[in-house]
Amino acid sequence: MKSEILTLLREQDGYISGQELCDRFGVSRTAVWKAIKQLKESGYDIEAVPNKGYHLAGQKDVLTQNEIESRMHTKWIGKEVYYKDITASTNLDVKKLLEDGAKEGVLVVGGQQTQGRGRRGRSWQSPPDTNIYMSLGLRPDYQPDLAAMQRAAEILTGEHDYKSFCSNPQMKKSTVRIVDSIEIVRRKDYIYFNYHGTGFLQNMVRILTGTLLEVGQGKRTPESVWQTLEAKDRTQAGYTAPPQGLCLMRVDY
């Protein structure tokens, strides 16, 4: 409601009454007063005059979720907005939201990043009160390059240290595993990834799948997965593919 109140205040040349806001949102005067109070605390200069109502007199240079939402006039981009004063990475936030089922166009904005990454995993300095850091989640309709993914799968097959493909940073036991085969086939509208190995690390199959899909999208070359294996660094691998569709087929003895 605060975002909508901000939008209405900006659209008014003069004052807008508290009763009009109550009628518009179907809430009590107390609820409107609390929303106005919170906006003032966020840095907005809102005048309240008896028998006239509320007027937006000015505001500081603030970046808040309400500020972003109140200025969003798009068809589908940014209809779902998340703002954080401090976050590890807006990219990681968007990936997690998409994995959890967020709609295409979800937007994450941060005032500061502590683990921002640029191209090839390089550290991205993201100090506060300097820039706007944001990531937009998209779900493109694409056909992955099956041959490229199969070439990358050949490199990932065998006995390797799969630490880059483990989601548990506190893993103390060996992260060496044997993956006997990675089979990737397309059947009608679906692509099937079949893994066979002596054991898998936490989320290893999902991270392998996310990395292979990035190869199929052209975001990585098949040969680059060598560097990913050698890095032994989770941030160098692809995203964690959603769990939907993941299943254990059989256990061999």
C-alpha atoms as a PDB file:
ATOM      1  CA  MET A   1       0.000   0.000   0.000  1.00  0.00           C
ATOM      2  CA  LYS A   2       2.894   2.400   0.719  1.00  0.00           C
ATOM      3  CA  SER A   3       4.059   2.195  -2.890  1.00  0.00           C
ATOM      4  CA  GLU A   4       0.562   3.009  -4.160  1.00  0.00           C
ATOM      5  CA  ILE A   5       0.261   5.927  -1.715  1.00  0.00           C
ATOM      6  CA  LEU A   6       3.556   7.333  -3.011  1.00  0.00           C
ATOM      7  CA  THR A   7       2.285   7.095  -6.577  1.00  0.00           C
ATOM      8  CA  LEU A   8      -0.946   8.945  -5.670  1.00  0.00           C
ATOM      9  CA  LEU A   9       0.931  11.658  -3.776  1.00  0.00           C
ATOM     10  CA  ARG A  10       3.176  12.291  -6.794  1.00  0.00           C
ATOM     11  CA  GLU A  11       0.180  12.526  -9.097  1.00  0.00           C
ATOM     12  CA  GLN A  12      -1.519  15.179  -6.948  1.00  0.00           C
ATOM     13  CA  ASP A  13      -0.709  18.858  -7.466  1.00  0.00           C
ATOM     14  CA  GLY A  14      -2.199  19.637  -4.084  1.00  0.00           C
ATOM     15  CA  TYR A  15      -3.399  17.570  -1.175  1.00  0.00           C
ATOM     16  CA  ILE A  16      -5.115  14.199  -1.072  1.00  0.00           C
ATOM     17  CA  SER A  17      -7.403  13.559   1.868  1.00  0.00           C
ATOM     18  CA  GLY A  18      -6.944  10.729   4.319  1.00  0.00           C
ATOM     19  CA  GLN A  19     -10.524   9.635   3.667  1.00  0.00           C
ATOM     20  CA  GLU A  20      -9.841   9.343  -0.046  1.00  0.00           C
ATOM     21  CA  LEU A  21      -6.878   7.106   0.716  1.00  0.00           C
ATOM     22  CA  CYS A  22      -9.038   5.022   3.054  1.00  0.00           C
ATOM     23  CA  ASP A  23     -11.705   4.597   0.387  1.00  0.00           C
ATOM     24  CA  ARG A  24      -9.130   3.824  -2.307  1.00  0.00           C
ATOM     25  CA  PHE A  25      -7.451   1.007  -0.371  1.00  0.00           C
ATOM     26  CA  GLY A  26     -10.321  -0.126   1.825  1.00  0.00           C
ATOM     27  CA  VAL A  27      -8.429   0.446   5.074  1.00  0.00           C
ATOM     28  CA  SER A  28      -8.868   2.496   8.234  1.00  0.00           C
ATOM     29  CA  ARG A  29      -7.469   5.985   8.872  1.00  0.00           C
ATOM     30  CA  THR A  30      -5.096   4.406  11.384  1.00  0.00           C
ATOM     31  CA  ALA A  31      -3.653   2.148   8.677  1.00  0.00           C
ATOM     32  CA  VAL A  32      -3.163   5.154   6.390  1.00  0.00           C
ATOM     33  CA  TRP A  33      -1.526   7.146   9.184  1.00  0.00           C
ATOM     34  CA  LYS A  34       0.894   4.274   9.910  1.00  0.00           C
ATOM     35  CA  ALA A  35       1.820   3.997   6.234  1.00  0.00           C
ATOM     36  CA  ILE A  36       2.448   7.762   6.010  1.00  0.00           C
ATOM     37  CA  LYS A  37       4.528   7.612   9.195  1.00  0.00           C
ATOM     38  CA  GLN A  38       6.700   4.833   7.788  1.00  0.00           C
ATOM     39  CA  LEU A  39       7.218   6.752   4.549  1.00  0.00           C
ATOM     40  CA  LYS A  40       8.317   9.804   6.532  1.00  0.00           C
ATOM     41  CA  GLU A  41      10.779   7.660   8.451  1.00  0.00           C
ATOM     42  CA  SER A  42      12.179   6.452   5.123  1.00  0.00           C
ATOM     43  CA  GLY A  43      13.050  10.007   4.132  1.00  0.00           C
ATOM     44  CA  TYR A  44       9.934  11.373   2.415  1.00  0.00           C
ATOM     45  CA  ASP A  45       8.820  14.904   3.353  1.00  0.00           C
ATOM     46  CA  ILE A  46       5.053  14.497   3.605  1.00  0.00           C
ATOM     47  CA  GLU A  47       2.955  17.369   4.926  1.00  0.00           C
ATOM     48  CA  ALA A  48      -0.211  16.566   6.874  1.00  0.00           C
ATOM     49  CA  VAL A  49      -2.711  19.426   7.128  1.00  0.00           C
ATOM     50  CA  PRO A  50      -6.093  19.106   8.936  1.00  0.00           C
ATOM     51  CA  ASN A  51      -9.105  19.293   6.603  1.00  0.00           C
ATOM     52  CA  LYS A  52      -6.787  19.091   3.577  1.00  0.00           C
ATOM     53  CA  GLY A  53      -4.918  15.807   3.824  1.00  0.00           C
ATOM     54  CA  TYR A  54      -1.445  14.825   2.751  1.00  0.00           C
ATOM     55  CA  HIS A  55       1.015  16.382   0.334  1.00  0.00           C
ATOM     56  CA  LEU A  56       4.432  15.171  -0.859  1.00  0.00           C
ATOM     57  CA  ALA A  57       6.630  18.228  -0.356  1.00  0.00           C
ATOM     58  CA  GLY A  58       9.936  16.540  -1.156  1.00  0.00           C
ATOM     59  CA  GLN A  59      12.217  13.657  -0.440  1.00  0.00           C
ATOM     60  CA  LYS A  60      15.821  12.783   0.205  1.00  0.00           C
ATOM     61  CA  ASP A  61      17.842  10.772  -2.280  1.00  0.00           C
ATOM     62  CA  VAL A  62      16.643   7.416  -0.979  1.00  0.00           C
ATOM     63  CA  LEU A  63      16.427   4.000  -2.590  1.00  0.00           C
ATOM     64  CA  THR A  64      13.766   1.753  -1.100  1.00  0.00           C
ATOM     65  CA  GLN A  65      11.456  -0.971  -2.305  1.00  0.00           C
ATOM     66  CA  ASN A  66       8.503   1.423  -2.054  1.00  0.00           C
ATOM     67  CA  GLU A  67      10.339   4.021  -4.126  1.00  0.00           C
ATOM     68  CA  ILE A  68      11.109   1.507  -6.873  1.00  0.00           C
ATOM     69  CA  GLU A  69       7.624  -0.004  -6.930  1.00  0.00           C
ATOM     70  CA  SER A  70       5.934   3.410  -7.019  1.00  0.00           C
ATOM     71  CA  ARG A  71       7.865   4.368 -10.170  1.00  0.00           C
ATOM     72  CA  MET A  72       7.480   1.067 -11.996  1.00  0.00           C
ATOM     73  CA  HIS A  73       5.232   1.479 -15.046  1.00  0.00           C
ATOM     74  CA  THR A  74       6.101  -1.619 -17.068  1.00  0.00           C
ATOM     75  CA  LYS A  75       4.002  -4.422 -18.499  1.00  0.00           C
ATOM     76  CA  TRP A  76       5.850  -7.345 -16.936  1.00  0.00           C
ATOM     77  CA  ILE A  77       9.417  -6.424 -15.970  1.00  0.00           C
ATOM     78  CA  GLY A  78       9.775  -5.570 -12.296  1.00  0.00           C
ATOM     79  CA  LYS A  79       6.225  -6.436 -11.320  1.00  0.00           C
ATOM     80  CA  GLU A  80       7.841  -8.430  -8.527  1.00  0.00           C
ATOM     81  CA  VAL A  81      10.521  -6.327  -6.805  1.00  0.00           C
ATOM     82  CA  TYR A  82      12.860  -7.087  -3.938  1.00  0.00           C
ATOM     83  CA  TYR A  83      15.153  -4.482  -2.395  1.00  0.00           C
ATOM     84  CA  LYS A  84      17.945  -5.156   0.115  1.00  0.00           C
ATOM     85  CA  ASP A  85      20.187  -2.572   1.749  1.00  0.00           C
ATOM     86  CA  ILE A  86      22.975  -5.179   1.841  1.00  0.00           C
ATOM     87  CA  THR A  87      23.091  -8.465  -0.040  1.00  0.00           C
ATOM     88  CA  ALA A  88      25.747 -10.957  -1.022  1.00  0.00           C
ATOM     89  CA  SER A  89      24.863 -10.719  -4.723  1.00  0.00           C
ATOM     90  CA  THR A  90      21.730  -9.657  -6.596  1.00  0.00           C
ATOM     91  CA  ASN A  91      22.587 -12.303  -9.214  1.00  0.00           C
ATOM     92  CA  LEU A  92      22.518 -15.033  -6.581  1.00  0.00           C
ATOM     93  CA  ASP A  93      19.266 -13.616  -5.188  1.00  0.00           C
ATOM     94  CA  VAL A  94      17.574 -13.693  -8.592  1.00  0.00           C
ATOM     95  CA  LYS A  95      18.812 -17.219  -9.293  1.00  0.00           C
ATOM     96  CA  LYS A  96      17.366 -18.419  -5.996  1.00  0.00           C
ATOM     97  CA  LEU A  97      14.023 -16.706  -6.677  1.00  0.00           C
ATOM     98  CA  LEU A  98      13.789 -18.269 -10.147  1.00  0.00           C
ATOM     99  CA  GLU A  99      14.674 -21.674  -8.714  1.00  0.00           C
ATOM    100  CA  ASP A 100      11.855 -21.222  -6.199  1.00  0.00           C
ATOM    101  CA  GLY A 101       9.356 -20.470  -8.963  1.00  0.00           C
ATOM    102  CA  ALA A 102       9.391 -16.670  -9.291  1.00  0.00           C
ATOM    103  CA  LYS A 103       7.874 -15.315 -12.492  1.00  0.00           C
ATOM    104  CA  GLU A 104       9.930 -13.965 -15.347  1.00  0.00           C
ATOM    105  CA  GLY A 105      10.774 -10.302 -14.827  1.00  0.00           C
ATOM    106  CA  VAL A 106      11.495 -10.556 -11.100  1.00  0.00           C
ATOM    107  CA  LEU A 107      13.837  -7.722 -10.087  1.00  0.00           C
ATOM    108  CA  VAL A 108      16.325  -7.604  -7.210  1.00  0.00           C
ATOM    109  CA  VAL A 109      17.971  -4.300  -6.287  1.00  0.00           C
ATOM    110  CA  GLY A 110      20.722  -3.885  -3.715  1.00  0.00           C
ATOM    111  CA  GLY A 111      22.280  -0.886  -2.055  1.00  0.00           C
ATOM    112  CA  GLN A 112      25.494  -2.823  -1.461  1.00  0.00           C
ATOM    113  CA  GLN A 113      26.889  -6.208  -2.477  1.00  0.00           C
ATOM    114  CA  THR A 114      29.411  -8.129  -0.399  1.00  0.00           C
ATOM    115  CA  GLN A 115      30.096 -10.933  -2.896  1.00  0.00           C
ATOM    116  CA  GLY A 116      29.443  -9.276  -6.243  1.00  0.00           C
ATOM    117  CA  ARG A 117      30.952 -11.037  -9.243  1.00  0.00           C
ATOM    118  CA  GLY A 118      31.815  -9.783 -12.721  1.00  0.00           C
ATOM    119  CA  ARG A 119      32.741 -11.769 -15.807  1.00  0.00           C
ATOM    120  CA  ARG A 120      34.658 -15.022 -15.291  1.00  0.00           C
ATOM    121  CA  GLY A 121      33.918 -14.829 -11.580  1.00  0.00           C
ATOM    122  CA  ARG A 122      36.054 -11.753 -10.984  1.00  0.00           C
ATOM    123  CA  SER A 123      35.314  -9.822  -7.798  1.00  0.00           C
ATOM    124  CA  TRP A 124      32.981  -6.855  -8.358  1.00  0.00           C
ATOM    125  CA  GLN A 125      33.440  -4.002  -5.917  1.00  0.00           C
ATOM    126  CA  SER A 126      29.992  -2.847  -4.782  1.00  0.00           C
ATOM    127  CA  PRO A 127      30.312  -0.185  -2.051  1.00  0.00           C
ATOM    128  CA  PRO A 128      27.203   1.445  -0.507  1.00  0.00           C
ATOM    129  CA  ASP A 129      25.727   4.805  -1.549  1.00  0.00           C
ATOM    130  CA  THR A 130      27.677   4.765  -4.808  1.00  0.00           C
ATOM    131  CA  ASN A 131      25.788   2.809  -7.460  1.00  0.00           C
ATOM    132  CA  ILE A 132      22.595   0.880  -7.993  1.00  0.00           C
ATOM    133  CA  TYR A 133      23.133  -2.878  -8.174  1.00  0.00           C
ATOM    134  CA  MET A 134      20.339  -4.900  -9.711  1.00  0.00           C
ATOM    135  CA  SER A 135      19.616  -8.168 -11.470  1.00  0.00           C
ATOM    136  CA  LEU A 136      16.618  -9.085 -13.623  1.00  0.00           C
ATOM    137  CA  GLY A 137      15.355 -12.660 -13.850  1.00  0.00           C
ATOM    138  CA  LEU A 138      14.375 -13.932 -17.289  1.00  0.00           C
ATOM    139  CA  ARG A 139      13.135 -17.285 -18.549  1.00  0.00           C
ATOM    140  CA  PRO A 140      14.124 -17.270 -22.229  1.00  0.00           C
ATOM    141  CA  ASP A 141      12.558 -19.724 -24.643  1.00  0.00           C
ATOM    142  CA  TYR A 142      15.615 -21.387 -26.150  1.00  0.00           C
ATOM    143  CA  GLN A 143      16.828 -24.724 -27.486  1.00  0.00           C
ATOM    144  CA  PRO A 144      20.146 -25.646 -25.822  1.00  0.00           C
ATOM    145  CA  ASP A 145      23.010 -26.834 -28.033  1.00  0.00           C
ATOM    146  CA  LEU A 146      22.867 -30.562 -27.356  1.00  0.00           C
ATOM    147  CA  ALA A 147      26.215 -31.356 -29.017  1.00  0.00           C
ATOM    148  CA  ALA A 148      28.044 -28.710 -26.931  1.00  0.00           C
ATOM    149  CA  MET A 149      26.537 -30.071 -23.701  1.00  0.00           C
ATOM    150  CA  GLN A 150      27.556 -33.602 -24.657  1.00  0.00           C
ATOM    151  CA  ARG A 151      31.158 -32.490 -25.236  1.00  0.00           C
ATOM    152  CA  ALA A 152      31.216 -30.812 -21.836  1.00  0.00           C
ATOM    153  CA  ALA A 153      29.683 -33.921 -20.253  1.00  0.00           C
ATOM    154  CA  GLU A 154      32.575 -36.019 -21.593  1.00  0.00           C
ATOM    155  CA  ILE A 155      35.032 -33.736 -19.793  1.00  0.00           C
ATOM    156  CA  LEU A 156      33.047 -33.927 -16.553  1.00  0.00           C
ATOM    157  CA  THR A 157      32.906 -37.732 -16.670  1.00  0.00           C
ATOM    158  CA  GLY A 158      35.495 -39.748 -14.773  1.00  0.00           C
ATOM    159  CA  GLU A 159      37.211 -39.462 -11.404  1.00  0.00           C
ATOM    160  CA  HIS A 160      37.507 -35.800 -10.404  1.00  0.00           C
ATOM    161  CA  ASP A 161      37.402 -33.489  -7.442  1.00  0.00           C
ATOM    162  CA  TYR A 162      33.885 -32.072  -7.797  1.00  0.00           C
ATOM    163  CA  LYS A 163      34.217 -29.428  -5.088  1.00  0.00           C
ATOM    164  CA  SER A 164      33.086 -26.734  -7.567  1.00  0.00           C
ATOM    165  CA  PHE A 165      29.816 -28.658  -7.887  1.00  0.00           C
ATOM    166  CA  CYS A 166      29.082 -29.017  -4.166  1.00  0.00           C
ATOM    167  CA  SER A 167      26.721 -26.580  -2.431  1.00  0.00           C
ATOM    168  CA  ASN A 168      28.103 -27.335   1.030  1.00  0.00           C
ATOM    169  CA  PRO A 169      31.058 -24.975   1.695  1.00  0.00           C
ATOM    170  CA  GLN A 170      31.719 -26.695   5.032  1.00  0.00           C
ATOM    171  CA  MET A 171      32.323 -30.094   3.440  1.00  0.00           C
ATOM    172  CA  LYS A 172      35.202 -31.718   5.348  1.00  0.00           C
ATOM    173  CA  LYS A 173      35.245 -35.142   3.713  1.00  0.00           C
ATOM    174  CA  SER A 174      36.773 -35.795   0.312  1.00  0.00           C
ATOM    175  CA  THR A 175      34.919 -34.229  -2.608  1.00  0.00           C
ATOM    176  CA  VAL A 176      36.473 -36.657  -5.100  1.00  0.00           C
ATOM    177  CA  ARG A 177      33.860 -38.773  -6.853  1.00  0.00           C
ATOM    178  CA  ILE A 178      33.639 -41.100  -9.838  1.00  0.00           C
ATOM    179  CA  VAL A 179      30.983 -40.298 -12.434  1.00  0.00           C
ATOM    180  CA  ASP A 180      30.853 -43.221 -14.847  1.00  0.00           C
ATOM    181  CA  SER A 181      28.586 -41.580 -17.388  1.00  0.00           C
ATOM    182  CA  ILE A 182      26.545 -38.489 -18.160  1.00  0.00           C
ATOM    183  CA  GLU A 183      23.959 -39.102 -20.839  1.00  0.00           C
ATOM    184  CA  ILE A 184      22.071 -36.162 -22.368  1.00  0.00           C
ATOM    185  CA  VAL A 185      19.222 -36.894 -24.777  1.00  0.00           C
ATOM    186  CA  ARG A 186      16.371 -34.865 -26.256  1.00  0.00           C
ATOM    187  CA  ARG A 187      12.958 -36.475 -26.462  1.00  0.00           C
ATOM    188  CA  LYS A 188      10.286 -34.276 -27.996  1.00  0.00           C
ATOM    189  CA  ASP A 189      10.091 -31.110 -25.849  1.00  0.00           C
ATOM    190  CA  TYR A 190      12.269 -32.435 -23.025  1.00  0.00           C
ATOM    191  CA  ILE A 191      15.982 -32.880 -22.396  1.00  0.00           C
ATOM    192  CA  TYR A 192      16.970 -35.718 -20.094  1.00  0.00           C
ATOM    193  CA  PHE A 193      20.201 -35.720 -18.073  1.00  0.00           C
ATOM    194  CA  ASN A 194      21.132 -39.179 -16.801  1.00  0.00           C
ATOM    195  CA  TYR A 195      24.014 -39.480 -14.322  1.00  0.00           C
ATOM    196  CA  HIS A 196      25.625 -42.692 -13.110  1.00  0.00           C
ATOM    197  CA  GLY A 197      28.359 -42.664 -10.491  1.00  0.00           C
ATOM    198  CA  THR A 198      29.693 -44.083  -7.234  1.00  0.00           C
ATOM    199  CA  GLY A 199      28.239 -41.194  -5.235  1.00  0.00           C
ATOM    200  CA  PHE A 200      27.228 -37.558  -5.454  1.00  0.00           C
ATOM    201  CA  LEU A 201      27.860 -34.495  -3.311  1.00  0.00           C
ATOM    202  CA  GLN A 202      25.169 -32.152  -1.998  1.00  0.00           C
ATOM    203  CA  ASN A 203      23.260 -30.737  -4.993  1.00  0.00           C
ATOM    204  CA  MET A 204      26.046 -32.015  -7.276  1.00  0.00           C
ATOM    205  CA  VAL A 205      23.701 -33.342  -9.949  1.00  0.00           C
ATOM    206  CA  ARG A 206      21.669 -30.136  -9.993  1.00  0.00           C
ATOM    207  CA  ILE A 207      24.794 -27.945 -10.249  1.00  0.00           C
ATOM    208  CA  LEU A 208      26.234 -30.150 -13.000  1.00  0.00           C
ATOM    209  CA  THR A 209      22.945 -29.812 -14.866  1.00  0.00           C
ATOM    210  CA  GLY A 210      22.886 -26.030 -14.442  1.00  0.00           C
ATOM    211  CA  THR A 211      26.470 -25.799 -15.705  1.00  0.00           C
ATOM    212  CA  LEU A 212      25.751 -27.994 -18.723  1.00  0.00           C
ATOM    213  CA  LEU A 213      22.682 -25.931 -19.570  1.00  0.00           C
ATOM    214  CA  GLU A 214      24.829 -22.783 -19.498  1.00  0.00           C
ATOM    215  CA  VAL A 215      27.112 -24.509 -21.991  1.00  0.00           C
ATOM    216  CA  GLY A 216      24.049 -25.274 -24.109  1.00  0.00           C
ATOM    217  CA  GLN A 217      23.058 -21.605 -23.958  1.00  0.00           C
ATOM    218  CA  GLY A 218      26.482 -20.484 -25.107  1.00  0.00           C
ATOM    219  CA  LYS A 219      27.318 -18.837 -21.790  1.00  0.00           C
ATOM    220  CA  ARG A 220      30.246 -21.227 -21.381  1.00  0.00           C
ATOM    221  CA  THR A 221      32.344 -23.223 -23.788  1.00  0.00           C
ATOM    222  CA  PRO A 222      32.485 -26.998 -23.386  1.00  0.00           C
ATOM    223  CA  GLU A 223      36.232 -26.751 -22.733  1.00  0.00           C
ATOM    224  CA  SER A 224      35.764 -24.212 -19.934  1.00  0.00           C
ATOM    225  CA  VAL A 225      34.434 -26.881 -17.587  1.00  0.00           C
ATOM    226  CA  TRP A 226      38.059 -28.060 -17.184  1.00  0.00           C
ATOM    227  CA  GLN A 227      38.823 -24.752 -15.464  1.00  0.00           C
ATOM    228  CA  THR A 228      35.649 -25.120 -13.411  1.00  0.00           C
ATOM    229  CA  LEU A 229      36.785 -28.509 -12.120  1.00  0.00           C
ATOM    230  CA  GLU A 230      40.304 -27.268 -11.380  1.00  0.00           C
ATOM    231  CA  ALA A 231      39.056 -24.148  -9.558  1.00  0.00           C
ATOM    232  CA  LYS A 232      37.449 -26.182  -6.754  1.00  0.00           C
ATOM    233  CA  ASP A 233      35.264 -23.129  -6.172  1.00  0.00           C
ATOM    234  CA  ARG A 234      31.454 -23.274  -6.153  1.00  0.00           C
ATOM    235  CA  THR A 235      31.158 -19.756  -7.594  1.00  0.00           C
ATOM    236  CA  GLN A 236      32.894 -20.901 -10.778  1.00  0.00           C
ATOM    237  CA  ALA A 237      30.227 -23.465 -11.645  1.00  0.00           C
ATOM    238  CA  GLY A 238      26.777 -22.832 -13.061  1.00  0.00           C
ATOM    239  CA  TYR A 239      23.514 -22.284 -11.255  1.00  0.00           C
ATOM    240  CA  THR A 240      21.733 -24.956  -9.237  1.00  0.00           C
ATOM    241  CA  ALA A 241      19.031 -26.390 -11.483  1.00  0.00           C
ATOM    242  CA  PRO A 242      15.551 -26.602  -9.889  1.00  0.00           C
ATOM    243  CA  PRO A 243      14.728 -29.915  -8.156  1.00  0.00           C
ATOM    244  CA  GLN A 244      11.588 -30.531 -10.209  1.00  0.00           C
ATOM    245  CA  GLY A 245      12.154 -33.592 -12.383  1.00  0.00           C
ATOM    246  CA  LEU A 246      15.093 -34.891 -10.333  1.00  0.00           C
ATOM    247  CA  CYS A 247      14.675 -38.530  -9.335  1.00  0.00           C
ATOM    248  CA  LEU A 248      16.702 -41.561  -8.324  1.00  0.00           C
ATOM    249  CA  MET A 249      16.281 -44.227 -11.002  1.00  0.00           C
ATOM    250  CA  ARG A 250      18.071 -47.165  -9.389  1.00  0.00           C
ATOM    251  CA  VAL A 251      20.894 -48.261  -7.072  1.00  0.00           C
ATOM    252  CA  ASP A 252      23.416 -50.771  -8.399  1.00  0.00           C
ATOM    253  CA  TYR A 253      25.308 -53.187  -6.159  1.00  0.00           C
END
